[in-house]
Amino acid sequence: MFVRTVYADVRTVFARFTMERSGRSITNVEGQTERPAWADAYLAELNESIRAIVQPTHSLCMELQCRLTGLETKLALTDRAITEELNIMRMEIIRIREQLSQLSQSIHTVPVQLQTLVRRVDNMEEHLAHVRDALGQDLDEPEAARDLD
């Protein structure tokens, strides 16, 4: 399409140029334009020159278009993959925050629980001491009696 447009414009310019240079006009016979044979040869040569320039350029543009389309596709896929990875990371961060919150609560409750357990062990030791005193024996005495047997 580009070649046809350029060709038509070149023909018009060339026709004007030949009329000005030669002093002759291009005549219109029965609705047809007559040109000298050398003008037709020159236009054919010019047409081939334009094709020789435009065709490789067109091929290059088509190749670039294919590559650009491929890059756009890869970019879209990469963007989608990155978005999915970011969503996974966001969910993981939310899960970690929840675990940290639970851990923080545990850190505050563990010392209280440990203090409670220490008090219970102390109370049990006191209770055992009272039981020993009430029974009148030491915890080591039954072991000593067994050793004698």
N, C-alpha and C. Protein backbone atom coordinates (compact mmCIF):
# COMPACT_ATOMS: atom_id res chain seq x y z
N MET A 1 0.83 -1.18 0.00
CA MET A 1 0.00 0.00 0.00
C MET A 1 0.87 1.25 0.00
N PHE A 2 1.93 1.23 0.81
CA PHE A 2 2.84 2.36 0.88
C PHE A 2 3.52 2.58 -0.47
N VAL A 3 3.93 1.47 -1.11
CA VAL A 3 4.60 1.56 -2.41
C VAL A 3 3.66 2.15 -3.44
N ARG A 4 2.41 1.76 -3.46
CA ARG A 4 1.45 2.30 -4.42
C ARG A 4 1.24 3.79 -4.21
N THR A 5 1.15 4.22 -2.97
CA THR A 5 0.95 5.63 -2.67
C THR A 5 2.17 6.43 -3.11
N VAL A 6 3.35 5.95 -2.77
CA VAL A 6 4.58 6.64 -3.17
C VAL A 6 4.70 6.66 -4.68
N TYR A 7 4.38 5.54 -5.31
CA TYR A 7 4.47 5.44 -6.76
C TYR A 7 3.55 6.46 -7.42
N ALA A 8 2.33 6.58 -6.95
CA ALA A 8 1.37 7.54 -7.52
C ALA A 8 1.88 8.96 -7.35
N ASP A 9 2.41 9.29 -6.19
CA ASP A 9 2.95 10.63 -5.94
C ASP A 9 4.15 10.90 -6.83
N VAL A 10 5.01 9.91 -6.99
CA VAL A 10 6.20 10.07 -7.83
C VAL A 10 5.79 10.28 -9.28
N ARG A 11 4.77 9.55 -9.74
CA ARG A 11 4.30 9.72 -11.12
C ARG A 11 3.79 11.13 -11.34
N THR A 12 3.05 11.67 -10.39
CA THR A 12 2.51 13.02 -10.53
C THR A 12 3.65 14.04 -10.58
N VAL A 13 4.60 13.91 -9.67
CA VAL A 13 5.73 14.85 -9.62
C VAL A 13 6.55 14.73 -10.90
N PHE A 14 6.78 13.50 -11.34
CA PHE A 14 7.58 13.28 -12.55
C PHE A 14 6.88 13.87 -13.77
N ALA A 15 5.57 13.70 -13.83
CA ALA A 15 4.83 14.25 -14.97
C ALA A 15 4.95 15.76 -15.01
N ARG A 16 4.83 16.41 -13.89
CA ARG A 16 4.98 17.87 -13.84
C ARG A 16 6.40 18.27 -14.22
N PHE A 17 7.36 17.50 -13.72
CA PHE A 17 8.77 17.79 -14.00
C PHE A 17 9.05 17.69 -15.50
N THR A 18 8.56 16.65 -16.12
CA THR A 18 8.82 16.48 -17.56
C THR A 18 8.15 17.55 -18.38
N MET A 19 6.97 18.00 -17.96
CA MET A 19 6.30 19.07 -18.70
C MET A 19 7.09 20.36 -18.59
N GLU A 20 7.60 20.64 -17.40
CA GLU A 20 8.35 21.88 -17.21
C GLU A 20 9.68 21.83 -17.95
N ARG A 21 10.36 20.70 -17.94
CA ARG A 21 11.69 20.58 -18.54
C ARG A 21 11.62 20.55 -20.08
N SER A 22 10.67 19.84 -20.58
CA SER A 22 10.65 19.66 -22.04
C SER A 22 9.83 20.73 -22.75
N GLY A 23 9.02 21.40 -21.99
CA GLY A 23 8.16 22.38 -22.62
C GLY A 23 6.97 21.73 -23.31
N ARG A 24 6.93 20.42 -23.25
CA ARG A 24 5.82 19.69 -23.86
C ARG A 24 4.83 19.33 -22.78
N SER A 25 3.62 19.18 -23.14
CA SER A 25 2.61 18.75 -22.18
C SER A 25 2.25 17.30 -22.45
N ILE A 26 1.79 16.69 -21.40
CA ILE A 26 1.29 15.33 -21.55
C ILE A 26 -0.13 15.45 -22.05
N THR A 27 -0.39 14.82 -23.12
CA THR A 27 -1.70 14.99 -23.75
C THR A 27 -2.67 13.93 -23.27
N ASN A 28 -3.90 14.26 -23.32
CA ASN A 28 -4.96 13.36 -22.91
C ASN A 28 -5.73 12.96 -24.16
N VAL A 29 -5.59 11.70 -24.57
CA VAL A 29 -6.27 11.21 -25.76
C VAL A 29 -7.30 10.19 -25.32
N GLU A 30 -8.55 10.49 -25.59
CA GLU A 30 -9.67 9.61 -25.24
C GLU A 30 -9.61 9.17 -23.78
N GLY A 31 -9.36 10.10 -22.88
CA GLY A 31 -9.36 9.81 -21.45
C GLY A 31 -8.10 9.11 -20.97
N GLN A 32 -7.11 8.93 -21.82
CA GLN A 32 -5.87 8.26 -21.44
C GLN A 32 -4.72 9.26 -21.54
N THR A 33 -3.80 9.15 -20.61
CA THR A 33 -2.65 10.03 -20.59
C THR A 33 -1.53 9.40 -21.41
N GLU A 34 -0.94 10.21 -22.29
CA GLU A 34 0.19 9.72 -23.07
C GLU A 34 1.47 10.30 -22.49
N ARG A 35 2.47 9.43 -22.35
CA ARG A 35 3.77 9.86 -21.86
C ARG A 35 4.81 9.35 -22.85
N PRO A 36 5.93 10.00 -22.81
CA PRO A 36 7.01 9.47 -23.64
C PRO A 36 7.48 8.14 -23.08
N ALA A 37 8.05 7.30 -23.91
CA ALA A 37 8.51 5.97 -23.50
C ALA A 37 9.61 6.06 -22.45
N TRP A 38 10.48 7.03 -22.56
CA TRP A 38 11.57 7.17 -21.59
C TRP A 38 11.01 7.48 -20.20
N ALA A 39 9.86 8.19 -20.14
CA ALA A 39 9.24 8.51 -18.86
C ALA A 39 8.70 7.23 -18.22
N ASP A 40 8.09 6.37 -19.04
CA ASP A 40 7.60 5.10 -18.50
C ASP A 40 8.75 4.24 -17.98
N ALA A 41 9.85 4.23 -18.73
CA ALA A 41 11.03 3.45 -18.30
C ALA A 41 11.59 4.01 -17.00
N TYR A 42 11.64 5.34 -16.94
CA TYR A 42 12.15 5.97 -15.72
C TYR A 42 11.24 5.67 -14.53
N LEU A 43 9.94 5.72 -14.73
CA LEU A 43 8.99 5.42 -13.65
C LEU A 43 9.09 3.96 -13.23
N ALA A 44 9.28 3.06 -14.19
CA ALA A 44 9.43 1.64 -13.84
C ALA A 44 10.70 1.43 -13.01
N GLU A 45 11.78 2.10 -13.44
CA GLU A 45 13.04 1.99 -12.68
C GLU A 45 12.89 2.59 -11.29
N LEU A 46 12.22 3.73 -11.21
CA LEU A 46 11.98 4.37 -9.92
C LEU A 46 11.11 3.49 -9.03
N ASN A 47 10.11 2.86 -9.62
CA ASN A 47 9.24 1.95 -8.88
C ASN A 47 10.05 0.79 -8.31
N GLU A 48 10.94 0.20 -9.10
CA GLU A 48 11.78 -0.90 -8.62
C GLU A 48 12.73 -0.43 -7.52
N SER A 49 13.26 0.78 -7.66
CA SER A 49 14.15 1.32 -6.62
C SER A 49 13.40 1.49 -5.31
N ILE A 50 12.18 2.00 -5.41
CA ILE A 50 11.37 2.18 -4.20
C ILE A 50 11.05 0.83 -3.58
N ARG A 51 10.70 -0.14 -4.40
CA ARG A 51 10.43 -1.49 -3.88
C ARG A 51 11.67 -2.07 -3.21
N ALA A 52 12.83 -1.84 -3.82
CA ALA A 52 14.08 -2.36 -3.24
C ALA A 52 14.34 -1.75 -1.87
N ILE A 53 13.88 -0.54 -1.66
CA ILE A 53 14.07 0.11 -0.35
C ILE A 53 12.97 -0.30 0.62
N VAL A 54 11.74 -0.30 0.15
CA VAL A 54 10.60 -0.52 1.04
C VAL A 54 10.48 -1.98 1.46
N GLN A 55 10.75 -2.92 0.56
CA GLN A 55 10.56 -4.33 0.90
C GLN A 55 11.44 -4.79 2.07
N PRO A 56 12.75 -4.50 2.07
CA PRO A 56 13.55 -4.90 3.25
C PRO A 56 13.10 -4.18 4.52
N THR A 57 12.70 -2.92 4.35
CA THR A 57 12.22 -2.17 5.51
C THR A 57 10.95 -2.80 6.05
N HIS A 58 10.07 -3.20 5.15
CA HIS A 58 8.83 -3.86 5.56
C HIS A 58 9.13 -5.18 6.27
N SER A 59 10.06 -5.95 5.71
CA SER A 59 10.45 -7.23 6.34
C SER A 59 11.02 -6.98 7.73
N LEU A 60 11.86 -5.97 7.84
CA LEU A 60 12.45 -5.63 9.14
C LEU A 60 11.36 -5.23 10.13
N CYS A 61 10.41 -4.42 9.66
CA CYS A 61 9.31 -3.99 10.54
C CYS A 61 8.46 -5.18 10.98
N MET A 62 8.21 -6.10 10.08
CA MET A 62 7.42 -7.29 10.44
C MET A 62 8.17 -8.14 11.46
N GLU A 63 9.48 -8.29 11.27
CA GLU A 63 10.28 -9.05 12.23
C GLU A 63 10.28 -8.36 13.59
N LEU A 64 10.44 -7.04 13.57
CA LEU A 64 10.41 -6.29 14.83
C LEU A 64 9.04 -6.41 15.50
N GLN A 65 7.98 -6.39 14.70
CA GLN A 65 6.64 -6.54 15.26
C GLN A 65 6.49 -7.90 15.93
N CYS A 66 6.99 -8.95 15.28
CA CYS A 66 6.91 -10.30 15.88
C CYS A 66 7.69 -10.35 17.19
N ARG A 67 8.88 -9.78 17.17
CA ARG A 67 9.69 -9.77 18.40
C ARG A 67 9.03 -8.95 19.50
N LEU A 68 8.47 -7.81 19.11
CA LEU A 68 7.80 -6.97 20.10
C LEU A 68 6.58 -7.68 20.68
N THR A 69 5.83 -8.37 19.83
CA THR A 69 4.68 -9.14 20.31
C THR A 69 5.13 -10.21 21.29
N GLY A 70 6.24 -10.90 20.94
CA GLY A 70 6.79 -11.91 21.85
C GLY A 70 7.21 -11.32 23.18
N LEU A 71 7.87 -10.17 23.12
CA LEU A 71 8.29 -9.51 24.36
C LEU A 71 7.09 -9.06 25.19
N GLU A 72 6.06 -8.55 24.52
CA GLU A 72 4.86 -8.15 25.25
C GLU A 72 4.21 -9.35 25.94
N THR A 73 4.18 -10.48 25.24
CA THR A 73 3.61 -11.69 25.83
C THR A 73 4.43 -12.13 27.04
N LYS A 74 5.76 -12.14 26.87
CA LYS A 74 6.62 -12.53 27.99
C LYS A 74 6.46 -11.57 29.16
N LEU A 75 6.34 -10.27 28.87
CA LEU A 75 6.16 -9.29 29.93
C LEU A 75 4.84 -9.53 30.67
N ALA A 76 3.78 -9.82 29.91
CA ALA A 76 2.48 -10.08 30.55
C ALA A 76 2.56 -11.32 31.43
N LEU A 77 3.21 -12.38 30.93
CA LEU A 77 3.35 -13.60 31.73
C LEU A 77 4.20 -13.34 32.97
N THR A 78 5.29 -12.59 32.79
CA THR A 78 6.16 -12.27 33.92
C THR A 78 5.40 -11.43 34.94
N ASP A 79 4.65 -10.46 34.46
CA ASP A 79 3.86 -9.61 35.36
C ASP A 79 2.85 -10.44 36.14
N ARG A 80 2.19 -11.37 35.45
CA ARG A 80 1.22 -12.24 36.12
C ARG A 80 1.91 -13.11 37.16
N ALA A 81 3.07 -13.66 36.81
CA ALA A 81 3.80 -14.53 37.75
C ALA A 81 4.27 -13.73 38.96
N ILE A 82 4.76 -12.52 38.72
CA ILE A 82 5.22 -11.68 39.84
C ILE A 82 4.04 -11.31 40.74
N THR A 83 2.90 -11.00 40.13
CA THR A 83 1.71 -10.67 40.91
C THR A 83 1.29 -11.86 41.78
N GLU A 84 1.33 -13.06 41.20
CA GLU A 84 0.98 -14.25 41.99
C GLU A 84 1.97 -14.46 43.13
N GLU A 85 3.26 -14.28 42.85
CA GLU A 85 4.29 -14.43 43.89
C GLU A 85 4.08 -13.40 45.00
N LEU A 86 3.77 -12.16 44.62
CA LEU A 86 3.53 -11.12 45.62
C LEU A 86 2.32 -11.46 46.48
N ASN A 87 1.27 -11.99 45.86
CA ASN A 87 0.09 -12.39 46.64
C ASN A 87 0.43 -13.51 47.61
N ILE A 88 1.23 -14.47 47.16
CA ILE A 88 1.65 -15.56 48.05
C ILE A 88 2.47 -14.99 49.20
N MET A 89 3.37 -14.06 48.89
CA MET A 89 4.20 -13.45 49.95
C MET A 89 3.34 -12.65 50.92
N ARG A 90 2.33 -11.93 50.42
CA ARG A 90 1.44 -11.18 51.30
C ARG A 90 0.71 -12.12 52.26
N MET A 91 0.21 -13.22 51.72
CA MET A 91 -0.49 -14.19 52.57
C MET A 91 0.46 -14.77 53.61
N GLU A 92 1.69 -15.05 53.22
CA GLU A 92 2.68 -15.59 54.15
C GLU A 92 3.00 -14.56 55.24
N ILE A 93 3.11 -13.31 54.86
CA ILE A 93 3.38 -12.25 55.85
C ILE A 93 2.22 -12.15 56.83
N ILE A 94 0.99 -12.23 56.33
CA ILE A 94 -0.18 -12.18 57.22
C ILE A 94 -0.15 -13.35 58.19
N ARG A 95 0.18 -14.55 57.68
CA ARG A 95 0.26 -15.74 58.54
C ARG A 95 1.37 -15.57 59.59
N ILE A 96 2.50 -15.03 59.18
CA ILE A 96 3.60 -14.83 60.12
C ILE A 96 3.21 -13.81 61.19
N ARG A 97 2.51 -12.75 60.78
CA ARG A 97 2.06 -11.75 61.76
C ARG A 97 1.14 -12.38 62.80
N GLU A 98 0.23 -13.24 62.32
CA GLU A 98 -0.68 -13.92 63.25
C GLU A 98 0.10 -14.79 64.22
N GLN A 99 1.10 -15.52 63.69
CA GLN A 99 1.91 -16.38 64.55
C GLN A 99 2.71 -15.54 65.55
N LEU A 100 3.22 -14.40 65.10
CA LEU A 100 3.97 -13.52 66.01
C LEU A 100 3.05 -12.98 67.10
N SER A 101 1.82 -12.66 66.72
CA SER A 101 0.86 -12.19 67.71
C SER A 101 0.61 -13.26 68.77
N GLN A 102 0.41 -14.50 68.30
CA GLN A 102 0.20 -15.60 69.24
C GLN A 102 1.44 -15.83 70.10
N LEU A 103 2.60 -15.74 69.48
CA LEU A 103 3.86 -15.92 70.22
C LEU A 103 4.02 -14.82 71.26
N SER A 104 3.67 -13.60 70.88
CA SER A 104 3.76 -12.49 71.82
C SER A 104 2.86 -12.72 73.03
N GLN A 105 1.65 -13.22 72.77
CA GLN A 105 0.75 -13.53 73.88
C GLN A 105 1.33 -14.63 74.74
N SER A 106 1.94 -15.63 74.09
CA SER A 106 2.55 -16.73 74.84
C SER A 106 3.71 -16.24 75.69
N ILE A 107 4.48 -15.35 75.15
CA ILE A 107 5.64 -14.82 75.90
C ILE A 107 5.16 -14.14 77.17
N HIS A 108 4.02 -13.49 77.11
CA HIS A 108 3.51 -12.82 78.30
C HIS A 108 2.88 -13.81 79.28
N THR A 109 2.28 -14.88 78.77
CA THR A 109 1.61 -15.83 79.67
C THR A 109 2.56 -16.88 80.24
N VAL A 110 3.63 -17.21 79.54
CA VAL A 110 4.55 -18.26 80.02
C VAL A 110 5.18 -17.89 81.36
N PRO A 111 5.69 -16.69 81.57
CA PRO A 111 6.26 -16.39 82.89
C PRO A 111 5.23 -16.51 84.02
N VAL A 112 4.01 -16.09 83.74
CA VAL A 112 2.96 -16.20 84.76
C VAL A 112 2.70 -17.67 85.06
N GLN A 113 2.63 -18.50 84.01
CA GLN A 113 2.41 -19.93 84.20
C GLN A 113 3.59 -20.56 84.95
N LEU A 114 4.81 -20.14 84.61
CA LEU A 114 5.98 -20.68 85.31
C LEU A 114 5.96 -20.31 86.79
N GLN A 115 5.60 -19.08 87.08
CA GLN A 115 5.52 -18.66 88.48
C GLN A 115 4.47 -19.49 89.22
N THR A 116 3.35 -19.72 88.56
CA THR A 116 2.30 -20.54 89.17
C THR A 116 2.80 -21.95 89.42
N LEU A 117 3.48 -22.55 88.46
CA LEU A 117 4.02 -23.90 88.63
C LEU A 117 5.07 -23.94 89.74
N VAL A 118 5.92 -22.93 89.82
CA VAL A 118 6.94 -22.89 90.89
C VAL A 118 6.26 -22.83 92.25
N ARG A 119 5.21 -22.03 92.36
CA ARG A 119 4.48 -21.95 93.63
C ARG A 119 3.86 -23.29 93.98
N ARG A 120 3.29 -23.97 92.97
CA ARG A 120 2.67 -25.28 93.23
C ARG A 120 3.72 -26.30 93.68
N VAL A 121 4.90 -26.28 93.03
CA VAL A 121 5.98 -27.20 93.44
C VAL A 121 6.43 -26.88 94.86
N ASP A 122 6.58 -25.59 95.16
CA ASP A 122 6.95 -25.20 96.54
C ASP A 122 5.91 -25.69 97.53
N ASN A 123 4.63 -25.51 97.18
CA ASN A 123 3.55 -25.97 98.07
C ASN A 123 3.60 -27.49 98.24
N MET A 124 3.87 -28.21 97.14
CA MET A 124 3.95 -29.68 97.24
C MET A 124 5.13 -30.09 98.11
N GLU A 125 6.27 -29.39 97.98
CA GLU A 125 7.43 -29.72 98.81
C GLU A 125 7.11 -29.47 100.29
N GLU A 126 6.43 -28.36 100.56
CA GLU A 126 6.04 -28.07 101.95
C GLU A 126 5.08 -29.14 102.46
N HIS A 127 4.14 -29.52 101.63
CA HIS A 127 3.17 -30.54 102.03
C HIS A 127 3.89 -31.87 102.30
N LEU A 128 4.82 -32.26 101.43
CA LEU A 128 5.59 -33.49 101.65
C LEU A 128 6.42 -33.40 102.93
N ALA A 129 6.96 -32.22 103.20
CA ALA A 129 7.73 -32.05 104.44
C ALA A 129 6.82 -32.25 105.65
N HIS A 130 5.61 -31.74 105.58
CA HIS A 130 4.66 -31.94 106.69
C HIS A 130 4.29 -33.41 106.83
N VAL A 131 4.09 -34.08 105.70
CA VAL A 131 3.74 -35.50 105.73
C VAL A 131 4.88 -36.28 106.36
N ARG A 132 6.13 -35.98 106.00
CA ARG A 132 7.29 -36.68 106.58
C ARG A 132 7.36 -36.44 108.09
N ASP A 133 7.15 -35.20 108.43
CA ASP A 133 7.19 -34.91 109.88
C ASP A 133 6.08 -35.66 110.61
N ALA A 134 4.92 -35.71 109.98
CA ALA A 134 3.80 -36.39 110.62
C ALA A 134 4.07 -37.88 110.73
N LEU A 135 4.70 -38.44 109.74
CA LEU A 135 5.01 -39.87 109.78
C LEU A 135 6.26 -40.14 110.61
N GLY A 136 7.02 -39.14 110.85
CA GLY A 136 8.21 -39.28 111.67
C GLY A 136 9.35 -39.95 110.93
N GLN A 137 9.35 -39.91 109.67
CA GLN A 137 10.47 -40.53 108.95
C GLN A 137 10.92 -39.63 107.81
N ASP A 138 12.11 -39.92 107.39
CA ASP A 138 12.71 -39.17 106.29
C ASP A 138 12.48 -39.96 105.01
N LEU A 139 12.56 -39.34 103.91
CA LEU A 139 12.38 -40.06 102.65
C LEU A 139 13.53 -41.04 102.40
N ASP A 140 14.68 -40.78 102.98
CA ASP A 140 15.83 -41.66 102.77
C ASP A 140 15.76 -42.91 103.63
N GLU A 141 14.99 -42.92 104.68
CA GLU A 141 14.93 -44.07 105.59
C GLU A 141 14.41 -45.33 104.91
N PRO A 142 13.36 -45.30 104.10
CA PRO A 142 12.94 -46.55 103.46
C PRO A 142 14.02 -47.12 102.57
N GLU A 143 14.80 -46.31 101.95
CA GLU A 143 15.88 -46.80 101.10
C GLU A 143 16.96 -47.45 101.97
N ALA A 144 17.24 -46.86 103.14
CA ALA A 144 18.25 -47.43 104.05
C ALA A 144 17.78 -48.77 104.57
N ALA A 145 16.47 -48.91 104.85
CA ALA A 145 15.92 -50.17 105.33
C ALA A 145 16.02 -51.22 104.24
N ARG A 146 15.84 -50.87 103.03
CA ARG A 146 15.95 -51.83 101.93
C ARG A 146 17.40 -52.26 101.75
N ASP A 147 18.32 -51.36 101.93
CA ASP A 147 19.73 -51.70 101.77
C ASP A 147 20.17 -52.71 102.83
N LEU A 148 19.59 -52.65 104.04
CA LEU A 148 19.96 -53.56 105.12
C LEU A 148 19.43 -54.96 104.84
N ASP A 149 18.36 -55.08 104.15
CA ASP A 149 17.78 -56.40 103.87
C ASP A 149 18.58 -57.08 102.87
